[in-house]
Amino acid sequence: MESFRLKNIIILILALMNLCLLGLLGVRLTTGYSAQAEARQQMVQLFAAEVSLWMTALSPAPHRPPA
């Protein structure tokens, strides 16, 4: 009887530990996805700024009629 009870307690402890580890994995995945989304957004902003600079630098000067 005592070994049966001890075995059930150990199984319960292991199940709770697995639930905690699963929760930690979920938190890490969520953090990773949000960091990846933030990095993607920063790259889009950087690319847009770079394209804007190139377009400004490469655009022809406005034609001015001679005075």
C-alpha atoms as a PDB file:
ATOM      1  CA  MET A   1       0.000   0.000   0.000  1.00  0.00           C
ATOM      2  CA  GLU A   2       2.799   2.411   0.909  1.00  0.00           C
ATOM      3  CA  SER A   3       4.726   1.799  -2.346  1.00  0.00           C
ATOM      4  CA  PHE A   4       1.523   2.345  -4.367  1.00  0.00           C
ATOM      5  CA  ARG A   5       0.980   5.709  -2.682  1.00  0.00           C
ATOM      6  CA  LEU A   6       4.627   6.719  -3.156  1.00  0.00           C
ATOM      7  CA  LYS A   7       4.436   5.788  -6.831  1.00  0.00           C
ATOM      8  CA  ASN A   8       1.314   7.951  -7.270  1.00  0.00           C
ATOM      9  CA  ILE A   9       3.015  10.912  -5.585  1.00  0.00           C
ATOM     10  CA  ILE A  10       6.055  10.573  -7.862  1.00  0.00           C
ATOM     11  CA  ILE A  11       3.816  10.375 -10.938  1.00  0.00           C
ATOM     12  CA  LEU A  12       1.945  13.483  -9.791  1.00  0.00           C
ATOM     13  CA  ILE A  13       5.213  15.378  -9.247  1.00  0.00           C
ATOM     14  CA  LEU A  14       6.467  14.358 -12.697  1.00  0.00           C
ATOM     15  CA  ALA A  15       3.185  15.382 -14.330  1.00  0.00           C
ATOM     16  CA  LEU A  16       3.311  18.800 -12.629  1.00  0.00           C
ATOM     17  CA  MET A  17       6.920  19.233 -13.715  1.00  0.00           C
ATOM     18  CA  ASN A  18       5.957  18.419 -17.307  1.00  0.00           C
ATOM     19  CA  LEU A  19       3.183  21.027 -17.166  1.00  0.00           C
ATOM     20  CA  CYS A  20       5.647  23.652 -15.904  1.00  0.00           C
ATOM     21  CA  LEU A  21       8.131  22.791 -18.641  1.00  0.00           C
ATOM     22  CA  LEU A  22       5.373  22.988 -21.246  1.00  0.00           C
ATOM     23  CA  GLY A  23       4.418  26.433 -19.926  1.00  0.00           C
ATOM     24  CA  LEU A  24       8.022  27.612 -20.124  1.00  0.00           C
ATOM     25  CA  LEU A  25       8.269  26.326 -23.685  1.00  0.00           C
ATOM     26  CA  GLY A  26       5.128  28.259 -24.592  1.00  0.00           C
ATOM     27  CA  VAL A  27       6.530  31.449 -23.097  1.00  0.00           C
ATOM     28  CA  ARG A  28       9.803  31.047 -24.987  1.00  0.00           C
ATOM     29  CA  LEU A  29       8.013  30.396 -28.275  1.00  0.00           C
ATOM     30  CA  THR A  30       5.806  33.451 -27.795  1.00  0.00           C
ATOM     31  CA  THR A  31       8.817  35.603 -26.942  1.00  0.00           C
ATOM     32  CA  GLY A  32      10.682  34.298 -29.984  1.00  0.00           C
ATOM     33  CA  TYR A  33       7.772  35.023 -32.321  1.00  0.00           C
ATOM     34  CA  SER A  34       7.346  38.559 -30.995  1.00  0.00           C
ATOM     35  CA  ALA A  35      11.086  39.254 -31.290  1.00  0.00           C
ATOM     36  CA  GLN A  36      11.061  37.940 -34.850  1.00  0.00           C
ATOM     37  CA  ALA A  37       8.075  40.132 -35.742  1.00  0.00           C
ATOM     38  CA  GLU A  38       9.777  43.177 -34.222  1.00  0.00           C
ATOM     39  CA  ALA A  39      12.995  42.481 -36.144  1.00  0.00           C
ATOM     40  CA  ARG A  40      10.994  42.079 -39.359  1.00  0.00           C
ATOM     41  CA  GLN A  41       9.252  45.414 -38.758  1.00  0.00           C
ATOM     42  CA  GLN A  42      12.586  47.148 -38.138  1.00  0.00           C
ATOM     43  CA  MET A  43      14.014  45.684 -41.355  1.00  0.00           C
ATOM     44  CA  VAL A  44      11.000  46.914 -43.329  1.00  0.00           C
ATOM     45  CA  GLN A  45      11.435  50.415 -41.906  1.00  0.00           C
ATOM     46  CA  LEU A  46      15.164  50.369 -42.646  1.00  0.00           C
ATOM     47  CA  PHE A  47      14.574  49.182 -46.198  1.00  0.00           C
ATOM     48  CA  ALA A  48      11.906  51.842 -46.775  1.00  0.00           C
ATOM     49  CA  ALA A  49      14.244  54.561 -45.514  1.00  0.00           C
ATOM     50  CA  GLU A  50      17.095  53.264 -47.684  1.00  0.00           C
ATOM     51  CA  VAL A  51      14.905  53.140 -50.795  1.00  0.00           C
ATOM     52  CA  SER A  52      13.693  56.657 -50.062  1.00  0.00           C
ATOM     53  CA  LEU A  53      17.282  57.909 -49.824  1.00  0.00           C
ATOM     54  CA  TRP A  54      18.214  56.202 -53.100  1.00  0.00           C
ATOM     55  CA  MET A  55      15.166  57.561 -54.878  1.00  0.00           C
ATOM     56  CA  THR A  56      15.988  61.075 -53.689  1.00  0.00           C
ATOM     57  CA  ALA A  57      19.634  60.740 -54.711  1.00  0.00           C
ATOM     58  CA  LEU A  58      18.863  59.286 -58.140  1.00  0.00           C
ATOM     59  CA  SER A  59      15.957  61.516 -59.095  1.00  0.00           C
ATOM     60  CA  PRO A  60      16.832  64.073 -61.743  1.00  0.00           C
ATOM     61  CA  ALA A  61      17.040  67.705 -60.745  1.00  0.00           C
ATOM     62  CA  PRO A  62      14.010  69.737 -61.789  1.00  0.00           C
ATOM     63  CA  HIS A  63      14.480  71.452 -65.149  1.00  0.00           C
ATOM     64  CA  ARG A  64      14.806  75.214 -64.821  1.00  0.00           C
ATOM     65  CA  PRO A  65      14.291  77.333 -67.891  1.00  0.00           C
ATOM     66  CA  PRO A  66      17.161  79.694 -68.702  1.00  0.00           C
ATOM     67  CA  ALA A  67      16.717  83.202 -67.386  1.00  0.00           C
END
